[in-house]
Amino acid sequence: MATTRRRESKTMTLTPDPEEPVQDPITPHKRLESGRFRLQVDRQMKESYATSEAAEAAGLAIKKAYPLLHVAVYDGVDGVTKAIEIPAA
């Protein structure tokens, strides 16, 4: 009759170095500022602006460089989204 031996597992516990500074957790999203007008590119919030004109100017620059993208300005107070289109020449 053969006897089987079980291996004892060894676990290592790593403790943080007390001299090493604690880093903030890495998050995939950047927090937007509290501006009223938010620039959306392909339905993702990118930047926040205090005025509608500033948000539309930034959106128009993106739309001219990349015409296939969906660019819009969202008004956080009124809840209205305005699509940015390239003006017809």
PDB file of N, CA and C in Angstrom:
ATOM      1  N   MET A   1       0.827  -1.165   0.000  1.00  0.00           N
ATOM      2  CA  MET A   1       0.000   0.000   0.000  1.00  0.00           C
ATOM      3  C   MET A   1       0.882   1.243   0.000  1.00  0.00           C
ATOM      4  N   ALA A   2       0.646   2.097  -0.937  1.00  0.00           N
ATOM      5  CA  ALA A   2       1.475   3.295  -1.037  1.00  0.00           C
ATOM      6  C   ALA A   2       0.847   4.417  -0.234  1.00  0.00           C
ATOM      7  N   THR A   3       1.690   5.118   0.449  1.00  0.00           N
ATOM      8  CA  THR A   3       1.195   6.275   1.197  1.00  0.00           C
ATOM      9  C   THR A   3       1.473   7.529   0.379  1.00  0.00           C
ATOM     10  N   THR A   4       0.543   8.410   0.379  1.00  0.00           N
ATOM     11  CA  THR A   4       0.720   9.657  -0.355  1.00  0.00           C
ATOM     12  C   THR A   4       1.054  10.770   0.623  1.00  0.00           C
ATOM     13  N   ARG A   5       1.951  11.574   0.222  1.00  0.00           N
ATOM     14  CA  ARG A   5       2.338  12.719   1.044  1.00  0.00           C
ATOM     15  C   ARG A   5       1.688  13.976   0.478  1.00  0.00           C
ATOM     16  N   ARG A   6       1.214  14.753   1.338  1.00  0.00           N
ATOM     17  CA  ARG A   6       0.664  16.043   0.917  1.00  0.00           C
ATOM     18  C   ARG A   6       1.750  17.089   1.074  1.00  0.00           C
ATOM     19  N   ARG A   7       1.845  17.911   0.087  1.00  0.00           N
ATOM     20  CA  ARG A   7       2.810  19.003   0.162  1.00  0.00           C
ATOM     21  C   ARG A   7       2.213  20.133   0.977  1.00  0.00           C
ATOM     22  N   GLU A   8       3.025  20.681   1.792  1.00  0.00           N
ATOM     23  CA  GLU A   8       2.569  21.848   2.550  1.00  0.00           C
ATOM     24  C   GLU A   8       2.792  23.069   1.675  1.00  0.00           C
ATOM     25  N   SER A   9       1.763  23.871   1.525  1.00  0.00           N
ATOM     26  CA  SER A   9       1.904  25.073   0.708  1.00  0.00           C
ATOM     27  C   SER A   9       2.502  26.188   1.554  1.00  0.00           C
ATOM     28  N   LYS A  10       3.365  26.914   0.922  1.00  0.00           N
ATOM     29  CA  LYS A  10       3.994  28.042   1.597  1.00  0.00           C
ATOM     30  C   LYS A  10       3.445  29.320   0.991  1.00  0.00           C
ATOM     31  N   THR A  11       2.971  30.193   1.822  1.00  0.00           N
ATOM     32  CA  THR A  11       2.473  31.471   1.342  1.00  0.00           C
ATOM     33  C   THR A  11       3.360  32.573   1.889  1.00  0.00           C
ATOM     34  N   MET A  12       3.577  33.548   1.037  1.00  0.00           N
ATOM     35  CA  MET A  12       4.368  34.698   1.458  1.00  0.00           C
ATOM     36  C   MET A  12       3.438  35.888   1.599  1.00  0.00           C
ATOM     37  N   THR A  13       3.578  36.605   2.672  1.00  0.00           N
ATOM     38  CA  THR A  13       2.795  37.805   2.870  1.00  0.00           C
ATOM     39  C   THR A  13       3.720  38.997   2.714  1.00  0.00           C
ATOM     40  N   LEU A  14       3.372  39.856   1.757  1.00  0.00           N
ATOM     41  CA  LEU A  14       4.178  41.040   1.527  1.00  0.00           C
ATOM     42  C   LEU A  14       3.591  42.203   2.302  1.00  0.00           C
ATOM     43  N   THR A  15       4.419  42.851   3.042  1.00  0.00           N
ATOM     44  CA  THR A  15       3.970  44.031   3.781  1.00  0.00           C
ATOM     45  C   THR A  15       4.548  45.254   3.094  1.00  0.00           C
ATOM     46  N   PRO A  16       3.801  46.355   3.060  1.00  0.00           N
ATOM     47  CA  PRO A  16       4.312  47.555   2.400  1.00  0.00           C
ATOM     48  C   PRO A  16       5.498  48.133   3.173  1.00  0.00           C
ATOM     49  N   ASP A  17       6.408  48.682   2.408  1.00  0.00           N
ATOM     50  CA  ASP A  17       7.574  49.317   3.009  1.00  0.00           C
ATOM     51  C   ASP A  17       7.120  50.608   3.689  1.00  0.00           C
ATOM     52  N   PRO A  18       7.426  50.811   4.966  1.00  0.00           N
ATOM     53  CA  PRO A  18       6.939  52.008   5.658  1.00  0.00           C
ATOM     54  C   PRO A  18       7.526  53.297   5.103  1.00  0.00           C
ATOM     55  N   GLU A  19       8.675  53.237   4.439  1.00  0.00           N
ATOM     56  CA  GLU A  19       9.281  54.449   3.884  1.00  0.00           C
ATOM     57  C   GLU A  19       8.704  54.805   2.520  1.00  0.00           C
ATOM     58  N   GLU A  20       8.029  53.861   1.877  1.00  0.00           N
ATOM     59  CA  GLU A  20       7.475  54.094   0.558  1.00  0.00           C
ATOM     60  C   GLU A  20       6.144  54.829   0.677  1.00  0.00           C
ATOM     61  N   PRO A  21       5.942  55.934  -0.081  1.00  0.00           N
ATOM     62  CA  PRO A  21       4.675  56.670   0.019  1.00  0.00           C
ATOM     63  C   PRO A  21       3.517  55.858  -0.554  1.00  0.00           C
ATOM     64  N   VAL A  22       2.343  56.045   0.004  1.00  0.00           N
ATOM     65  CA  VAL A  22       1.150  55.344  -0.454  1.00  0.00           C
ATOM     66  C   VAL A  22       0.634  56.052  -1.702  1.00  0.00           C
ATOM     67  N   GLN A  23       0.400  55.265  -2.759  1.00  0.00           N
ATOM     68  CA  GLN A  23      -0.083  55.836  -4.010  1.00  0.00           C
ATOM     69  C   GLN A  23      -1.599  55.774  -4.055  1.00  0.00           C
ATOM     70  N   ASP A  24      -2.181  56.751  -4.742  1.00  0.00           N
ATOM     71  CA  ASP A  24      -3.624  56.735  -4.948  1.00  0.00           C
ATOM     72  C   ASP A  24      -3.967  55.603  -5.901  1.00  0.00           C
ATOM     73  N   PRO A  25      -5.132  54.997  -5.733  1.00  0.00           N
ATOM     74  CA  PRO A  25      -5.502  53.938  -6.668  1.00  0.00           C
ATOM     75  C   PRO A  25      -5.676  54.506  -8.071  1.00  0.00           C
ATOM     76  N   ILE A  26      -5.283  53.719  -9.055  1.00  0.00           N
ATOM     77  CA  ILE A  26      -5.391  54.156 -10.442  1.00  0.00           C
ATOM     78  C   ILE A  26      -6.834  53.955 -10.892  1.00  0.00           C
ATOM     79  N   THR A  27      -7.436  55.018 -11.374  1.00  0.00           N
ATOM     80  CA  THR A  27      -8.809  54.934 -11.858  1.00  0.00           C
ATOM     81  C   THR A  27      -8.818  55.210 -13.356  1.00  0.00           C
ATOM     82  N   PRO A  28      -9.675  54.555 -14.097  1.00  0.00           N
ATOM     83  CA  PRO A  28      -9.693  54.763 -15.538  1.00  0.00           C
ATOM     84  C   PRO A  28     -10.359  56.067 -15.962  1.00  0.00           C
ATOM     85  N   HIS A  29     -11.088  56.699 -15.072  1.00  0.00           N
ATOM     86  CA  HIS A  29     -11.818  57.906 -15.434  1.00  0.00           C
ATOM     87  C   HIS A  29     -11.228  59.117 -14.750  1.00  0.00           C
ATOM     88  N   LYS A  30     -11.130  60.184 -15.495  1.00  0.00           N
ATOM     89  CA  LYS A  30     -10.681  61.446 -14.938  1.00  0.00           C
ATOM     90  C   LYS A  30     -11.916  62.196 -14.451  1.00  0.00           C
ATOM     91  N   ARG A  31     -11.845  62.736 -13.259  1.00  0.00           N
ATOM     92  CA  ARG A  31     -12.989  63.476 -12.731  1.00  0.00           C
ATOM     93  C   ARG A  31     -13.144  64.798 -13.474  1.00  0.00           C
ATOM     94  N   LEU A  32     -14.381  65.071 -13.865  1.00  0.00           N
ATOM     95  CA  LEU A  32     -14.659  66.322 -14.551  1.00  0.00           C
ATOM     96  C   LEU A  32     -14.850  67.438 -13.542  1.00  0.00           C
ATOM     97  N   GLU A  33     -14.492  68.620 -13.983  1.00  0.00           N
ATOM     98  CA  GLU A  33     -14.730  69.772 -13.132  1.00  0.00           C
ATOM     99  C   GLU A  33     -16.225  70.058 -13.102  1.00  0.00           C
ATOM    100  N   SER A  34     -16.619  70.985 -12.290  1.00  0.00           N
ATOM    101  CA  SER A  34     -18.047  71.226 -12.097  1.00  0.00           C
ATOM    102  C   SER A  34     -18.611  72.281 -13.044  1.00  0.00           C
ATOM    103  N   GLY A  35     -18.069  72.398 -14.245  1.00  0.00           N
ATOM    104  CA  GLY A  35     -18.605  73.344 -15.217  1.00  0.00           C
ATOM    105  C   GLY A  35     -19.975  72.901 -15.709  1.00  0.00           C
ATOM    106  N   ARG A  36     -20.755  73.858 -16.136  1.00  0.00           N
ATOM    107  CA  ARG A  36     -22.123  73.568 -16.563  1.00  0.00           C
ATOM    108  C   ARG A  36     -22.162  72.824 -17.899  1.00  0.00           C
ATOM    109  N   PHE A  37     -21.281  73.187 -18.825  1.00  0.00           N
ATOM    110  CA  PHE A  37     -21.314  72.629 -20.177  1.00  0.00           C
ATOM    111  C   PHE A  37     -20.210  71.590 -20.327  1.00  0.00           C
ATOM    112  N   ARG A  38     -20.602  70.404 -20.761  1.00  0.00           N
ATOM    113  CA  ARG A  38     -19.657  69.295 -20.874  1.00  0.00           C
ATOM    114  C   ARG A  38     -19.542  68.858 -22.324  1.00  0.00           C
ATOM    115  N   LEU A  39     -18.313  68.688 -22.762  1.00  0.00           N
ATOM    116  CA  LEU A  39     -18.044  68.268 -24.129  1.00  0.00           C
ATOM    117  C   LEU A  39     -18.065  66.746 -24.204  1.00  0.00           C
ATOM    118  N   GLN A  40     -18.865  66.217 -25.129  1.00  0.00           N
ATOM    119  CA  GLN A  40     -18.974  64.777 -25.330  1.00  0.00           C
ATOM    120  C   GLN A  40     -18.383  64.420 -26.690  1.00  0.00           C
ATOM    121  N   VAL A  41     -17.532  63.393 -26.703  1.00  0.00           N
ATOM    122  CA  VAL A  41     -16.992  62.871 -27.950  1.00  0.00           C
ATOM    123  C   VAL A  41     -17.344  61.396 -27.982  1.00  0.00           C
ATOM    124  N   ASP A  42     -18.115  61.008 -28.977  1.00  0.00           N
ATOM    125  CA  ASP A  42     -18.650  59.644 -29.083  1.00  0.00           C
ATOM    126  C   ASP A  42     -19.325  59.227 -27.781  1.00  0.00           C
ATOM    127  N   ARG A  43     -20.127  60.116 -27.245  1.00  0.00           N
ATOM    128  CA  ARG A  43     -20.947  59.923 -26.037  1.00  0.00           C
ATOM    129  C   ARG A  43     -20.130  59.719 -24.754  1.00  0.00           C
ATOM    130  N   GLN A  44     -18.879  60.120 -24.786  1.00  0.00           N
ATOM    131  CA  GLN A  44     -18.043  60.074 -23.591  1.00  0.00           C
ATOM    132  C   GLN A  44     -17.686  61.496 -23.177  1.00  0.00           C
ATOM    133  N   MET A  45     -17.881  61.807 -21.902  1.00  0.00           N
ATOM    134  CA  MET A  45     -17.568  63.139 -21.407  1.00  0.00           C
ATOM    135  C   MET A  45     -16.061  63.355 -21.431  1.00  0.00           C
ATOM    136  N   LYS A  46     -15.630  64.490 -21.988  1.00  0.00           N
ATOM    137  CA  LYS A  46     -14.201  64.758 -22.106  1.00  0.00           C
ATOM    138  C   LYS A  46     -13.763  65.964 -21.283  1.00  0.00           C
ATOM    139  N   GLU A  47     -14.423  67.081 -21.414  1.00  0.00           N
ATOM    140  CA  GLU A  47     -14.038  68.302 -20.719  1.00  0.00           C
ATOM    141  C   GLU A  47     -15.272  69.020 -20.216  1.00  0.00           C
ATOM    142  N   SER A  48     -15.051  69.941 -19.303  1.00  0.00           N
ATOM    143  CA  SER A  48     -16.131  70.734 -18.740  1.00  0.00           C
ATOM    144  C   SER A  48     -15.800  72.212 -18.937  1.00  0.00           C
ATOM    145  N   TYR A  49     -16.794  72.994 -19.312  1.00  0.00           N
ATOM    146  CA  TYR A  49     -16.597  74.423 -19.596  1.00  0.00           C
ATOM    147  C   TYR A  49     -17.647  75.245 -18.865  1.00  0.00           C
ATOM    148  N   ALA A  50     -17.294  76.474 -18.557  1.00  0.00           N
ATOM    149  CA  ALA A  50     -18.216  77.368 -17.865  1.00  0.00           C
ATOM    150  C   ALA A  50     -19.228  77.980 -18.823  1.00  0.00           C
ATOM    151  N   THR A  51     -18.833  78.183 -20.090  1.00  0.00           N
ATOM    152  CA  THR A  51     -19.738  78.799 -21.060  1.00  0.00           C
ATOM    153  C   THR A  51     -20.007  77.867 -22.229  1.00  0.00           C
ATOM    154  N   SER A  52     -21.145  78.068 -22.848  1.00  0.00           N
ATOM    155  CA  SER A  52     -21.536  77.265 -24.001  1.00  0.00           C
ATOM    156  C   SER A  52     -20.625  77.555 -25.189  1.00  0.00           C
ATOM    157  N   GLU A  53     -20.234  78.816 -25.353  1.00  0.00           N
ATOM    158  CA  GLU A  53     -19.394  79.210 -26.484  1.00  0.00           C
ATOM    159  C   GLU A  53     -18.038  78.514 -26.437  1.00  0.00           C
ATOM    160  N   ALA A  54     -17.447  78.430 -25.260  1.00  0.00           N
ATOM    161  CA  ALA A  54     -16.137  77.781 -25.117  1.00  0.00           C
ATOM    162  C   ALA A  54     -16.250  76.286 -25.427  1.00  0.00           C
ATOM    163  N   ALA A  55     -17.307  75.655 -24.955  1.00  0.00           N
ATOM    164  CA  ALA A  55     -17.503  74.228 -25.210  1.00  0.00           C
ATOM    165  C   ALA A  55     -17.754  73.972 -26.689  1.00  0.00           C
ATOM    166  N   GLU A  56     -18.543  74.823 -27.329  1.00  0.00           N
ATOM    167  CA  GLU A  56     -18.827  74.652 -28.751  1.00  0.00           C
ATOM    168  C   GLU A  56     -17.588  74.898 -29.597  1.00  0.00           C
ATOM    169  N   ALA A  57     -16.750  75.864 -29.218  1.00  0.00           N
ATOM    170  CA  ALA A  57     -15.522  76.133 -29.969  1.00  0.00           C
ATOM    171  C   ALA A  57     -14.575  74.938 -29.891  1.00  0.00           C
ATOM    172  N   ALA A  58     -14.440  74.358 -28.715  1.00  0.00           N
ATOM    173  CA  ALA A  58     -13.587  73.175 -28.562  1.00  0.00           C
ATOM    174  C   ALA A  58     -14.165  71.991 -29.330  1.00  0.00           C
ATOM    175  N   GLY A  59     -15.471  71.837 -29.286  1.00  0.00           N
ATOM    176  CA  GLY A  59     -16.124  70.754 -30.013  1.00  0.00           C
ATOM    177  C   GLY A  59     -15.994  70.903 -31.516  1.00  0.00           C
ATOM    178  N   LEU A  60     -16.094  72.136 -32.011  1.00  0.00           N
ATOM    179  CA  LEU A  60     -15.960  72.386 -33.445  1.00  0.00           C
ATOM    180  C   LEU A  60     -14.540  72.089 -33.920  1.00  0.00           C
ATOM    181  N   ALA A  61     -13.542  72.409 -33.101  1.00  0.00           N
ATOM    182  CA  ALA A  61     -12.155  72.107 -33.464  1.00  0.00           C
ATOM    183  C   ALA A  61     -11.955  70.591 -33.578  1.00  0.00           C
ATOM    184  N   ILE A  62     -12.538  69.835 -32.666  1.00  0.00           N
ATOM    185  CA  ILE A  62     -12.428  68.374 -32.719  1.00  0.00           C
ATOM    186  C   ILE A  62     -13.179  67.838 -33.938  1.00  0.00           C
ATOM    187  N   LYS A  63     -14.376  68.374 -34.187  1.00  0.00           N
ATOM    188  CA  LYS A  63     -15.199  67.901 -35.309  1.00  0.00           C
ATOM    189  C   LYS A  63     -14.524  68.182 -36.657  1.00  0.00           C
ATOM    190  N   LYS A  64     -13.833  69.344 -36.775  1.00  0.00           N
ATOM    191  CA  LYS A  64     -13.131  69.655 -38.027  1.00  0.00           C
ATOM    192  C   LYS A  64     -11.949  68.716 -38.237  1.00  0.00           C
ATOM    193  N   ALA A  65     -11.263  68.363 -37.162  1.00  0.00           N
ATOM    194  CA  ALA A  65     -10.110  67.464 -37.286  1.00  0.00           C
ATOM    195  C   ALA A  65     -10.541  66.021 -37.526  1.00  0.00           C
ATOM    196  N   TYR A  66     -11.653  65.622 -36.902  1.00  0.00           N
ATOM    197  CA  TYR A  66     -12.144  64.242 -37.000  1.00  0.00           C
ATOM    198  C   TYR A  66     -13.638  64.261 -37.316  1.00  0.00           C
ATOM    199  N   PRO A  67     -14.008  64.446 -38.585  1.00  0.00           N
ATOM    200  CA  PRO A  67     -15.420  64.627 -38.939  1.00  0.00           C
ATOM    201  C   PRO A  67     -16.324  63.418 -38.698  1.00  0.00           C
ATOM    202  N   LEU A  68     -15.762  62.230 -38.551  1.00  0.00           N
ATOM    203  CA  LEU A  68     -16.604  61.048 -38.342  1.00  0.00           C
ATOM    204  C   LEU A  68     -17.041  60.876 -36.887  1.00  0.00           C
ATOM    205  N   LEU A  69     -16.415  61.591 -35.972  1.00  0.00           N
ATOM    206  CA  LEU A  69     -16.783  61.469 -34.557  1.00  0.00           C
ATOM    207  C   LEU A  69     -18.106  62.170 -34.276  1.00  0.00           C
ATOM    208  N   HIS A  70     -18.819  61.672 -33.299  1.00  0.00           N
ATOM    209  CA  HIS A  70     -20.030  62.332 -32.815  1.00  0.00           C
ATOM    210  C   HIS A  70     -19.610  63.272 -31.689  1.00  0.00           C
ATOM    211  N   VAL A  71     -19.738  64.576 -31.920  1.00  0.00           N
ATOM    212  CA  VAL A  71     -19.325  65.585 -30.945  1.00  0.00           C
ATOM    213  C   VAL A  71     -20.567  66.365 -30.530  1.00  0.00           C
ATOM    214  N   ALA A  72     -20.740  66.552 -29.217  1.00  0.00           N
ATOM    215  CA  ALA A  72     -21.904  67.269 -28.708  1.00  0.00           C
ATOM    216  C   ALA A  72     -21.522  68.021 -27.436  1.00  0.00           C
ATOM    217  N   VAL A  73     -22.358  68.995 -27.092  1.00  0.00           N
ATOM    218  CA  VAL A  73     -22.203  69.749 -25.847  1.00  0.00           C
ATOM    219  C   VAL A  73     -23.442  69.478 -25.003  1.00  0.00           C
ATOM    220  N   TYR A  74     -23.216  69.032 -23.776  1.00  0.00           N
ATOM    221  CA  TYR A  74     -24.301  68.717 -22.851  1.00  0.00           C
ATOM    222  C   TYR A  74     -24.414  69.817 -21.804  1.00  0.00           C
ATOM    223  N   ASP A  75     -25.612  70.364 -21.632  1.00  0.00           N
ATOM    224  CA  ASP A  75     -25.890  71.368 -20.614  1.00  0.00           C
ATOM    225  C   ASP A  75     -26.376  70.639 -19.367  1.00  0.00           C
ATOM    226  N   GLY A  76     -25.557  70.645 -18.319  1.00  0.00           N
ATOM    227  CA  GLY A  76     -25.865  69.909 -17.101  1.00  0.00           C
ATOM    228  C   GLY A  76     -27.031  70.468 -16.316  1.00  0.00           C
ATOM    229  N   VAL A  77     -27.325  71.757 -16.462  1.00  0.00           N
ATOM    230  CA  VAL A  77     -28.421  72.364 -15.712  1.00  0.00           C
ATOM    231  C   VAL A  77     -29.760  72.104 -16.393  1.00  0.00           C
ATOM    232  N   ASP A  78     -29.818  72.377 -17.696  1.00  0.00           N
ATOM    233  CA  ASP A  78     -31.065  72.192 -18.435  1.00  0.00           C
ATOM    234  C   ASP A  78     -31.262  70.759 -18.926  1.00  0.00           C
ATOM    235  N   GLY A  79     -30.197  69.964 -18.960  1.00  0.00           N
ATOM    236  CA  GLY A  79     -30.297  68.586 -19.434  1.00  0.00           C
ATOM    237  C   GLY A  79     -30.470  68.479 -20.933  1.00  0.00           C
ATOM    238  N   VAL A  80     -29.915  69.435 -21.679  1.00  0.00           N
ATOM    239  CA  VAL A  80     -30.064  69.471 -23.133  1.00  0.00           C
ATOM    240  C   VAL A  80     -28.718  69.147 -23.784  1.00  0.00           C
ATOM    241  N   THR A  81     -28.764  68.337 -24.842  1.00  0.00           N
ATOM    242  CA  THR A  81     -27.559  68.004 -25.600  1.00  0.00           C
ATOM    243  C   THR A  81     -27.671  68.632 -26.978  1.00  0.00           C
ATOM    244  N   LYS A  82     -26.605  69.349 -27.384  1.00  0.00           N
ATOM    245  CA  LYS A  82     -26.573  69.994 -28.694  1.00  0.00           C
ATOM    246  C   LYS A  82     -25.448  69.374 -29.507  1.00  0.00           C
ATOM    247  N   ALA A  83     -25.782  68.789 -30.646  1.00  0.00           N
ATOM    248  CA  ALA A  83     -24.795  68.167 -31.524  1.00  0.00           C
ATOM    249  C   ALA A  83     -24.002  69.250 -32.247  1.00  0.00           C
ATOM    250  N   ILE A  84     -22.718  69.020 -32.427  1.00  0.00           N
ATOM    251  CA  ILE A  84     -21.841  69.949 -33.144  1.00  0.00           C
ATOM    252  C   ILE A  84     -21.690  69.437 -34.572  1.00  0.00           C
ATOM    253  N   GLU A  85     -21.985  70.285 -35.524  1.00  0.00           N
ATOM    254  CA  GLU A  85     -21.858  69.959 -36.933  1.00  0.00           C
ATOM    255  C   GLU A  85     -20.894  70.936 -37.593  1.00  0.00           C
ATOM    256  N   ILE A  86     -20.224  70.498 -38.652  1.00  0.00           N
ATOM    257  CA  ILE A  86     -19.347  71.370 -39.404  1.00  0.00           C
ATOM    258  C   ILE A  86     -20.229  72.275 -40.265  1.00  0.00           C
ATOM    259  N   PRO A  87     -20.015  73.599 -40.193  1.00  0.00           N
ATOM    260  CA  PRO A  87     -20.846  74.500 -40.992  1.00  0.00           C
ATOM    261  C   PRO A  87     -20.632  74.282 -42.493  1.00  0.00           C
ATOM    262  N   ALA A  88     -21.717  74.363 -43.239  1.00  0.00           N
ATOM    263  CA  ALA A  88     -21.634  74.199 -44.693  1.00  0.00           C
ATOM    264  C   ALA A  88     -20.942  75.405 -45.295  1.00  0.00           C
ATOM    265  N   ALA A  89     -20.038  75.158 -46.213  1.00  0.00           N
ATOM    266  CA  ALA A  89     -19.277  76.264 -46.815  1.00  0.00           C
ATOM    267  C   ALA A  89     -19.960  76.846 -48.008  1.00  0.00           C
TER     268      ALA A  89
END
